[in-house]
Amino acid sequence: MRIEFDRDTCIGMFNCVAEWERFVEDIDAGKATLVGSDEANPDLYVREVPGGEEFEAKMAARVCPVDAITVYDGDDQVIP
């Protein structure tokens, strides 16, 4: 399972931070940061979801008010 985070779309509500510890607040930028991710494209960050953290990753995606977070299981989009 992997997660993709579009940081450009993020509006800094930080709901994801409350749901999954892999997201942290970047107060200076007014956006969240996906810890341990790689920048796949400008402002698109990707990382594998560690085993046992699938639920938290899905919840972080579900609570994002602007759908900046997408979860995939293989090639299939799971969330949103």
PDB file of N, CA and C in Angstrom:
ATOM      1  N   MET A   1       0.859  -1.168   0.000  1.00  0.00           N
ATOM      2  CA  MET A   1       0.000   0.000   0.000  1.00  0.00           C
ATOM      3  C   MET A   1       0.904   1.229   0.000  1.00  0.00           C
ATOM      4  N   ARG A   2       0.508   2.226  -0.788  1.00  0.00           N
ATOM      5  CA  ARG A   2       1.267   3.475  -0.812  1.00  0.00           C
ATOM      6  C   ARG A   2       0.324   4.661  -0.674  1.00  0.00           C
ATOM      7  N   ILE A   3       0.895   5.777  -0.274  1.00  0.00           N
ATOM      8  CA  ILE A   3       0.127   6.998  -0.107  1.00  0.00           C
ATOM      9  C   ILE A   3       0.785   8.092  -0.929  1.00  0.00           C
ATOM     10  N   GLU A   4      -0.037   8.922  -1.544  1.00  0.00           N
ATOM     11  CA  GLU A   4       0.440  10.071  -2.303  1.00  0.00           C
ATOM     12  C   GLU A   4      -0.170  11.322  -1.690  1.00  0.00           C
ATOM     13  N   PHE A   5       0.666  12.331  -1.548  1.00  0.00           N
ATOM     14  CA  PHE A   5       0.257  13.575  -0.921  1.00  0.00           C
ATOM     15  C   PHE A   5       0.583  14.730  -1.853  1.00  0.00           C
ATOM     16  N   ASP A   6      -0.456  15.448  -2.274  1.00  0.00           N
ATOM     17  CA  ASP A   6      -0.300  16.611  -3.142  1.00  0.00           C
ATOM     18  C   ASP A   6      -0.188  17.843  -2.237  1.00  0.00           C
ATOM     19  N   ARG A   7       1.032  18.232  -1.966  1.00  0.00           N
ATOM     20  CA  ARG A   7       1.273  19.320  -1.009  1.00  0.00           C
ATOM     21  C   ARG A   7       0.771  20.658  -1.537  1.00  0.00           C
ATOM     22  N   ASP A   8       0.752  20.826  -2.854  1.00  0.00           N
ATOM     23  CA  ASP A   8       0.252  22.065  -3.436  1.00  0.00           C
ATOM     24  C   ASP A   8      -1.239  22.249  -3.132  1.00  0.00           C
ATOM     25  N   THR A   9      -1.989  21.153  -3.106  1.00  0.00           N
ATOM     26  CA  THR A   9      -3.427  21.188  -2.836  1.00  0.00           C
ATOM     27  C   THR A   9      -3.720  21.407  -1.354  1.00  0.00           C
ATOM     28  N   CYS A  10      -2.810  20.994  -0.495  1.00  0.00           N
ATOM     29  CA  CYS A  10      -2.991  21.105   0.965  1.00  0.00           C
ATOM     30  C   CYS A  10      -3.281  22.548   1.366  1.00  0.00           C
ATOM     31  N   ILE A  11      -4.276  22.710   2.257  1.00  0.00           N
ATOM     32  CA  ILE A  11      -4.625  24.046   2.742  1.00  0.00           C
ATOM     33  C   ILE A  11      -4.272  24.229   4.227  1.00  0.00           C
ATOM     34  N   GLY A  12      -3.585  23.265   4.804  1.00  0.00           N
ATOM     35  CA  GLY A  12      -3.102  23.422   6.167  1.00  0.00           C
ATOM     36  C   GLY A  12      -4.140  23.291   7.259  1.00  0.00           C
ATOM     37  N   MET A  13      -5.146  22.473   7.063  1.00  0.00           N
ATOM     38  CA  MET A  13      -6.113  22.220   8.136  1.00  0.00           C
ATOM     39  C   MET A  13      -5.542  21.245   9.165  1.00  0.00           C
ATOM     40  N   PHE A  14      -4.557  20.447   8.758  1.00  0.00           N
ATOM     41  CA  PHE A  14      -3.829  19.517   9.617  1.00  0.00           C
ATOM     42  C   PHE A  14      -4.690  18.402  10.202  1.00  0.00           C
ATOM     43  N   ASN A  15      -5.819  18.099   9.566  1.00  0.00           N
ATOM     44  CA  ASN A  15      -6.630  16.957  10.014  1.00  0.00           C
ATOM     45  C   ASN A  15      -5.827  15.665   9.900  1.00  0.00           C
ATOM     46  N   CYS A  16      -5.009  15.557   8.862  1.00  0.00           N
ATOM     47  CA  CYS A  16      -4.202  14.357   8.641  1.00  0.00           C
ATOM     48  C   CYS A  16      -3.212  14.130   9.785  1.00  0.00           C
ATOM     49  N   VAL A  17      -2.704  15.214  10.340  1.00  0.00           N
ATOM     50  CA  VAL A  17      -1.734  15.136  11.437  1.00  0.00           C
ATOM     51  C   VAL A  17      -2.361  14.461  12.653  1.00  0.00           C
ATOM     52  N   ALA A  18      -3.620  14.734  12.888  1.00  0.00           N
ATOM     53  CA  ALA A  18      -4.323  14.138  14.025  1.00  0.00           C
ATOM     54  C   ALA A  18      -4.594  12.651  13.811  1.00  0.00           C
ATOM     55  N   GLU A  19      -4.616  12.206  12.558  1.00  0.00           N
ATOM     56  CA  GLU A  19      -4.970  10.814  12.256  1.00  0.00           C
ATOM     57  C   GLU A  19      -3.775   9.882  12.091  1.00  0.00           C
ATOM     58  N   TRP A  20      -2.634  10.423  11.620  1.00  0.00           N
ATOM     59  CA  TRP A  20      -1.491   9.550  11.331  1.00  0.00           C
ATOM     60  C   TRP A  20      -0.209  10.298  11.651  1.00  0.00           C
ATOM     61  N   GLU A  21       0.633   9.694  12.456  1.00  0.00           N
ATOM     62  CA  GLU A  21       1.869  10.334  12.901  1.00  0.00           C
ATOM     63  C   GLU A  21       2.868  10.594  11.783  1.00  0.00           C
ATOM     64  N   ARG A  22       2.645  10.042  10.612  1.00  0.00           N
ATOM     65  CA  ARG A  22       3.561  10.271   9.477  1.00  0.00           C
ATOM     66  C   ARG A  22       3.347  11.647   8.844  1.00  0.00           C
ATOM     67  N   PHE A  23       2.246  12.306   9.192  1.00  0.00           N
ATOM     68  CA  PHE A  23       2.021  13.684   8.770  1.00  0.00           C
ATOM     69  C   PHE A  23       2.355  14.599   9.934  1.00  0.00           C
ATOM     70  N   VAL A  24       3.097  15.666   9.632  1.00  0.00           N
ATOM     71  CA  VAL A  24       3.444  16.657  10.648  1.00  0.00           C
ATOM     72  C   VAL A  24       3.109  18.047  10.117  1.00  0.00           C
ATOM     73  N   GLU A  25       2.941  18.974  11.039  1.00  0.00           N
ATOM     74  CA  GLU A  25       2.637  20.356  10.673  1.00  0.00           C
ATOM     75  C   GLU A  25       3.902  21.091  10.270  1.00  0.00           C
ATOM     76  N   ASP A  26       3.847  21.806   9.161  1.00  0.00           N
ATOM     77  CA  ASP A  26       4.888  22.748   8.767  1.00  0.00           C
ATOM     78  C   ASP A  26       4.247  24.127   8.879  1.00  0.00           C
ATOM     79  N   ILE A  27       4.323  24.687  10.065  1.00  0.00           N
ATOM     80  CA  ILE A  27       3.651  25.951  10.363  1.00  0.00           C
ATOM     81  C   ILE A  27       4.144  27.066   9.447  1.00  0.00           C
ATOM     82  N   ASP A  28       5.446  27.105   9.176  1.00  0.00           N
ATOM     83  CA  ASP A  28       6.003  28.171   8.332  1.00  0.00           C
ATOM     84  C   ASP A  28       5.401  28.147   6.932  1.00  0.00           C
ATOM     85  N   ALA A  29       5.197  26.951   6.379  1.00  0.00           N
ATOM     86  CA  ALA A  29       4.630  26.825   5.032  1.00  0.00           C
ATOM     87  C   ALA A  29       3.108  26.831   5.060  1.00  0.00           C
ATOM     88  N   GLY A  30       2.522  26.564   6.226  1.00  0.00           N
ATOM     89  CA  GLY A  30       1.063  26.488   6.326  1.00  0.00           C
ATOM     90  C   GLY A  30       0.509  25.243   5.673  1.00  0.00           C
ATOM     91  N   LYS A  31       1.316  24.174   5.658  1.00  0.00           N
ATOM     92  CA  LYS A  31       0.919  22.920   5.025  1.00  0.00           C
ATOM     93  C   LYS A  31       1.446  21.751   5.849  1.00  0.00           C
ATOM     94  N   ALA A  32       0.884  20.594   5.606  1.00  0.00           N
ATOM     95  CA  ALA A  32       1.387  19.381   6.236  1.00  0.00           C
ATOM     96  C   ALA A  32       2.594  18.866   5.454  1.00  0.00           C
ATOM     97  N   THR A  33       3.368  18.004   6.100  1.00  0.00           N
ATOM     98  CA  THR A  33       4.499  17.335   5.471  1.00  0.00           C
ATOM     99  C   THR A  33       4.344  15.845   5.709  1.00  0.00           C
ATOM    100  N   LEU A  34       4.577  15.039   4.683  1.00  0.00           N
ATOM    101  CA  LEU A  34       4.528  13.584   4.797  1.00  0.00           C
ATOM    102  C   LEU A  34       5.943  13.089   5.077  1.00  0.00           C
ATOM    103  N   VAL A  35       6.200  12.715   6.314  1.00  0.00           N
ATOM    104  CA  VAL A  35       7.526  12.298   6.765  1.00  0.00           C
ATOM    105  C   VAL A  35       7.940  11.003   6.055  1.00  0.00           C
ATOM    106  N   GLY A  36       9.183  10.967   5.605  1.00  0.00           N
ATOM    107  CA  GLY A  36       9.725   9.763   4.982  1.00  0.00           C
ATOM    108  C   GLY A  36       9.297   9.561   3.549  1.00  0.00           C
ATOM    109  N   SER A  37       8.766  10.603   2.936  1.00  0.00           N
ATOM    110  CA  SER A  37       8.291  10.470   1.549  1.00  0.00           C
ATOM    111  C   SER A  37       9.345  10.957   0.564  1.00  0.00           C
ATOM    112  N   ASP A  38       9.153  10.575  -0.686  1.00  0.00           N
ATOM    113  CA  ASP A  38       9.990  11.034  -1.786  1.00  0.00           C
ATOM    114  C   ASP A  38       9.148  11.913  -2.687  1.00  0.00           C
ATOM    115  N   GLU A  39       9.753  12.954  -3.241  1.00  0.00           N
ATOM    116  CA  GLU A  39       9.039  13.839  -4.150  1.00  0.00           C
ATOM    117  C   GLU A  39       9.042  13.207  -5.542  1.00  0.00           C
ATOM    118  N   ALA A  40       7.896  12.691  -5.962  1.00  0.00           N
ATOM    119  CA  ALA A  40       7.761  12.024  -7.260  1.00  0.00           C
ATOM    120  C   ALA A  40       7.659  13.036  -8.393  1.00  0.00           C
ATOM    121  N   ASN A  41       6.966  14.111  -8.153  1.00  0.00           N
ATOM    122  CA  ASN A  41       6.791  15.235  -9.072  1.00  0.00           C
ATOM    123  C   ASN A  41       6.787  16.481  -8.200  1.00  0.00           C
ATOM    124  N   PRO A  42       6.903  17.664  -8.799  1.00  0.00           N
ATOM    125  CA  PRO A  42       6.851  18.856  -7.953  1.00  0.00           C
ATOM    126  C   PRO A  42       5.596  18.865  -7.067  1.00  0.00           C
ATOM    127  N   ASP A  43       5.816  18.936  -5.764  1.00  0.00           N
ATOM    128  CA  ASP A  43       4.758  18.974  -4.754  1.00  0.00           C
ATOM    129  C   ASP A  43       3.908  17.709  -4.655  1.00  0.00           C
ATOM    130  N   LEU A  44       4.343  16.594  -5.238  1.00  0.00           N
ATOM    131  CA  LEU A  44       3.652  15.312  -5.085  1.00  0.00           C
ATOM    132  C   LEU A  44       4.602  14.353  -4.369  1.00  0.00           C
ATOM    133  N   TYR A  45       4.233  13.995  -3.148  1.00  0.00           N
ATOM    134  CA  TYR A  45       5.077  13.163  -2.302  1.00  0.00           C
ATOM    135  C   TYR A  45       4.469  11.778  -2.147  1.00  0.00           C
ATOM    136  N   VAL A  46       5.333  10.765  -2.202  1.00  0.00           N
ATOM    137  CA  VAL A  46       4.890   9.374  -2.188  1.00  0.00           C
ATOM    138  C   VAL A  46       5.717   8.591  -1.175  1.00  0.00           C
ATOM    139  N   ARG A  47       5.062   7.668  -0.489  1.00  0.00           N
ATOM    140  CA  ARG A  47       5.763   6.735   0.388  1.00  0.00           C
ATOM    141  C   ARG A  47       4.935   5.476   0.558  1.00  0.00           C
ATOM    142  N   GLU A  48       5.612   4.421   0.913  1.00  0.00           N
ATOM    143  CA  GLU A  48       4.940   3.169   1.251  1.00  0.00           C
ATOM    144  C   GLU A  48       4.352   3.316   2.646  1.00  0.00           C
ATOM    145  N   VAL A  49       3.208   2.695   2.845  1.00  0.00           N
ATOM    146  CA  VAL A  49       2.571   2.692   4.163  1.00  0.00           C
ATOM    147  C   VAL A  49       3.136   1.505   4.932  1.00  0.00           C
ATOM    148  N   PRO A  50       3.769   1.742   6.076  1.00  0.00           N
ATOM    149  CA  PRO A  50       4.319   0.641   6.858  1.00  0.00           C
ATOM    150  C   PRO A  50       3.221  -0.328   7.309  1.00  0.00           C
ATOM    151  N   GLY A  51       3.578  -1.595   7.388  1.00  0.00           N
ATOM    152  CA  GLY A  51       2.640  -2.607   7.864  1.00  0.00           C
ATOM    153  C   GLY A  51       2.072  -2.233   9.215  1.00  0.00           C
ATOM    154  N   GLY A  52       0.795  -2.415   9.374  1.00  0.00           N
ATOM    155  CA  GLY A  52       0.122  -2.099  10.630  1.00  0.00           C
ATOM    156  C   GLY A  52      -0.366  -0.665  10.720  1.00  0.00           C
ATOM    157  N   GLU A  53      -0.046   0.163   9.715  1.00  0.00           N
ATOM    158  CA  GLU A  53      -0.464   1.558   9.739  1.00  0.00           C
ATOM    159  C   GLU A  53      -1.450   1.887   8.622  1.00  0.00           C
ATOM    160  N   GLU A  54      -1.987   0.855   7.998  1.00  0.00           N
ATOM    161  CA  GLU A  54      -2.901   1.056   6.878  1.00  0.00           C
ATOM    162  C   GLU A  54      -4.151   1.837   7.286  1.00  0.00           C
ATOM    163  N   PHE A  55      -4.723   1.490   8.421  1.00  0.00           N
ATOM    164  CA  PHE A  55      -5.942   2.162   8.879  1.00  0.00           C
ATOM    165  C   PHE A  55      -5.691   3.652   9.091  1.00  0.00           C
ATOM    166  N   GLU A  56      -4.586   3.978   9.752  1.00  0.00           N
ATOM    167  CA  GLU A  56      -4.263   5.376  10.029  1.00  0.00           C
ATOM    168  C   GLU A  56      -4.035   6.160   8.737  1.00  0.00           C
ATOM    169  N   ALA A  57      -3.363   5.555   7.774  1.00  0.00           N
ATOM    170  CA  ALA A  57      -3.118   6.216   6.488  1.00  0.00           C
ATOM    171  C   ALA A  57      -4.441   6.485   5.770  1.00  0.00           C
ATOM    172  N   LYS A  58      -5.327   5.508   5.777  1.00  0.00           N
ATOM    173  CA  LYS A  58      -6.642   5.678   5.143  1.00  0.00           C
ATOM    174  C   LYS A  58      -7.446   6.776   5.846  1.00  0.00           C
ATOM    175  N   MET A  59      -7.381   6.816   7.162  1.00  0.00           N
ATOM    176  CA  MET A  59      -8.115   7.853   7.896  1.00  0.00           C
ATOM    177  C   MET A  59      -7.563   9.237   7.584  1.00  0.00           C
ATOM    178  N   ALA A  60      -6.242   9.363   7.470  1.00  0.00           N
ATOM    179  CA  ALA A  60      -5.640  10.652   7.118  1.00  0.00           C
ATOM    180  C   ALA A  60      -6.172  11.125   5.767  1.00  0.00           C
ATOM    181  N   ALA A  61      -6.305  10.206   4.825  1.00  0.00           N
ATOM    182  CA  ALA A  61      -6.839  10.565   3.508  1.00  0.00           C
ATOM    183  C   ALA A  61      -8.314  10.937   3.597  1.00  0.00           C
ATOM    184  N   ARG A  62      -9.062  10.207   4.374  1.00  0.00           N
ATOM    185  CA  ARG A  62     -10.508  10.462   4.481  1.00  0.00           C
ATOM    186  C   ARG A  62     -10.831  11.823   5.092  1.00  0.00           C
ATOM    187  N   VAL A  63     -10.007  12.268   6.035  1.00  0.00           N
ATOM    188  CA  VAL A  63     -10.328  13.516   6.728  1.00  0.00           C
ATOM    189  C   VAL A  63      -9.784  14.758   6.030  1.00  0.00           C
ATOM    190  N   CYS A  64      -9.037  14.578   4.947  1.00  0.00           N
ATOM    191  CA  CYS A  64      -8.504  15.733   4.234  1.00  0.00           C
ATOM    192  C   CYS A  64      -9.646  16.449   3.511  1.00  0.00           C
ATOM    193  N   PRO A  65      -9.901  17.723   3.847  1.00  0.00           N
ATOM    194  CA  PRO A  65     -11.053  18.418   3.261  1.00  0.00           C
ATOM    195  C   PRO A  65     -10.893  18.762   1.785  1.00  0.00           C
ATOM    196  N   VAL A  66      -9.669  18.675   1.255  1.00  0.00           N
ATOM    197  CA  VAL A  66      -9.446  19.029  -0.153  1.00  0.00           C
ATOM    198  C   VAL A  66      -8.926  17.851  -0.980  1.00  0.00           C
ATOM    199  N   ASP A  67      -9.012  16.640  -0.435  1.00  0.00           N
ATOM    200  CA  ASP A  67      -8.575  15.423  -1.123  1.00  0.00           C
ATOM    201  C   ASP A  67      -7.146  15.516  -1.647  1.00  0.00           C
ATOM    202  N   ALA A  68      -6.242  16.025  -0.816  1.00  0.00           N
ATOM    203  CA  ALA A  68      -4.836  16.121  -1.188  1.00  0.00           C
ATOM    204  C   ALA A  68      -4.092  14.814  -0.959  1.00  0.00           C
ATOM    205  N   ILE A  69      -4.767  13.834  -0.354  1.00  0.00           N
ATOM    206  CA  ILE A  69      -4.135  12.562   0.002  1.00  0.00           C
ATOM    207  C   ILE A  69      -4.879  11.432  -0.686  1.00  0.00           C
ATOM    208  N   THR A  70      -4.113  10.578  -1.362  1.00  0.00           N
ATOM    209  CA  THR A  70      -4.695   9.427  -2.048  1.00  0.00           C
ATOM    210  C   THR A  70      -3.958   8.175  -1.587  1.00  0.00           C
ATOM    211  N   VAL A  71      -4.700   7.107  -1.313  1.00  0.00           N
ATOM    212  CA  VAL A  71      -4.125   5.831  -0.882  1.00  0.00           C
ATOM    213  C   VAL A  71      -4.371   4.813  -1.995  1.00  0.00           C
ATOM    214  N   TYR A  72      -3.329   4.056  -2.304  1.00  0.00           N
ATOM    215  CA  TYR A  72      -3.394   3.023  -3.330  1.00  0.00           C
ATOM    216  C   TYR A  72      -3.005   1.680  -2.738  1.00  0.00           C
ATOM    217  N   ASP A  73      -3.678   0.630  -3.208  1.00  0.00           N
ATOM    218  CA  ASP A  73      -3.299  -0.740  -2.907  1.00  0.00           C
ATOM    219  C   ASP A  73      -2.902  -1.342  -4.244  1.00  0.00           C
ATOM    220  N   GLY A  74      -1.616  -1.427  -4.497  1.00  0.00           N
ATOM    221  CA  GLY A  74      -1.133  -1.803  -5.829  1.00  0.00           C
ATOM    222  C   GLY A  74      -1.452  -0.663  -6.774  1.00  0.00           C
ATOM    223  N   ASP A  75      -2.121  -0.960  -7.873  1.00  0.00           N
ATOM    224  CA  ASP A  75      -2.512   0.064  -8.835  1.00  0.00           C
ATOM    225  C   ASP A  75      -3.911   0.597  -8.566  1.00  0.00           C
ATOM    226  N   ASP A  76      -4.616   0.003  -7.630  1.00  0.00           N
ATOM    227  CA  ASP A  76      -6.002   0.391  -7.358  1.00  0.00           C
ATOM    228  C   ASP A  76      -6.066   1.508  -6.312  1.00  0.00           C
ATOM    229  N   GLN A  77      -6.801   2.568  -6.651  1.00  0.00           N
ATOM    230  CA  GLN A  77      -7.017   3.655  -5.717  1.00  0.00           C
ATOM    231  C   GLN A  77      -8.022   3.214  -4.659  1.00  0.00           C
ATOM    232  N   VAL A  78      -7.636   3.372  -3.399  1.00  0.00           N
ATOM    233  CA  VAL A  78      -8.495   2.965  -2.283  1.00  0.00           C
ATOM    234  C   VAL A  78      -9.242   4.175  -1.725  1.00  0.00           C
ATOM    235  N   ILE A  79      -8.523   5.273  -1.501  1.00  0.00           N
ATOM    236  CA  ILE A  79      -9.079   6.493  -0.918  1.00  0.00           C
ATOM    237  C   ILE A  79      -8.555   7.655  -1.743  1.00  0.00           C
ATOM    238  N   PRO A  80      -9.254   8.693  -2.087  1.00  0.00           N
ATOM    239  CA  PRO A  80     -10.611   8.966  -1.725  1.00  0.00           C
ATOM    240  C   PRO A  80     -11.592   8.225  -2.593  1.00  0.00           C
TER     241      PRO A  80
END
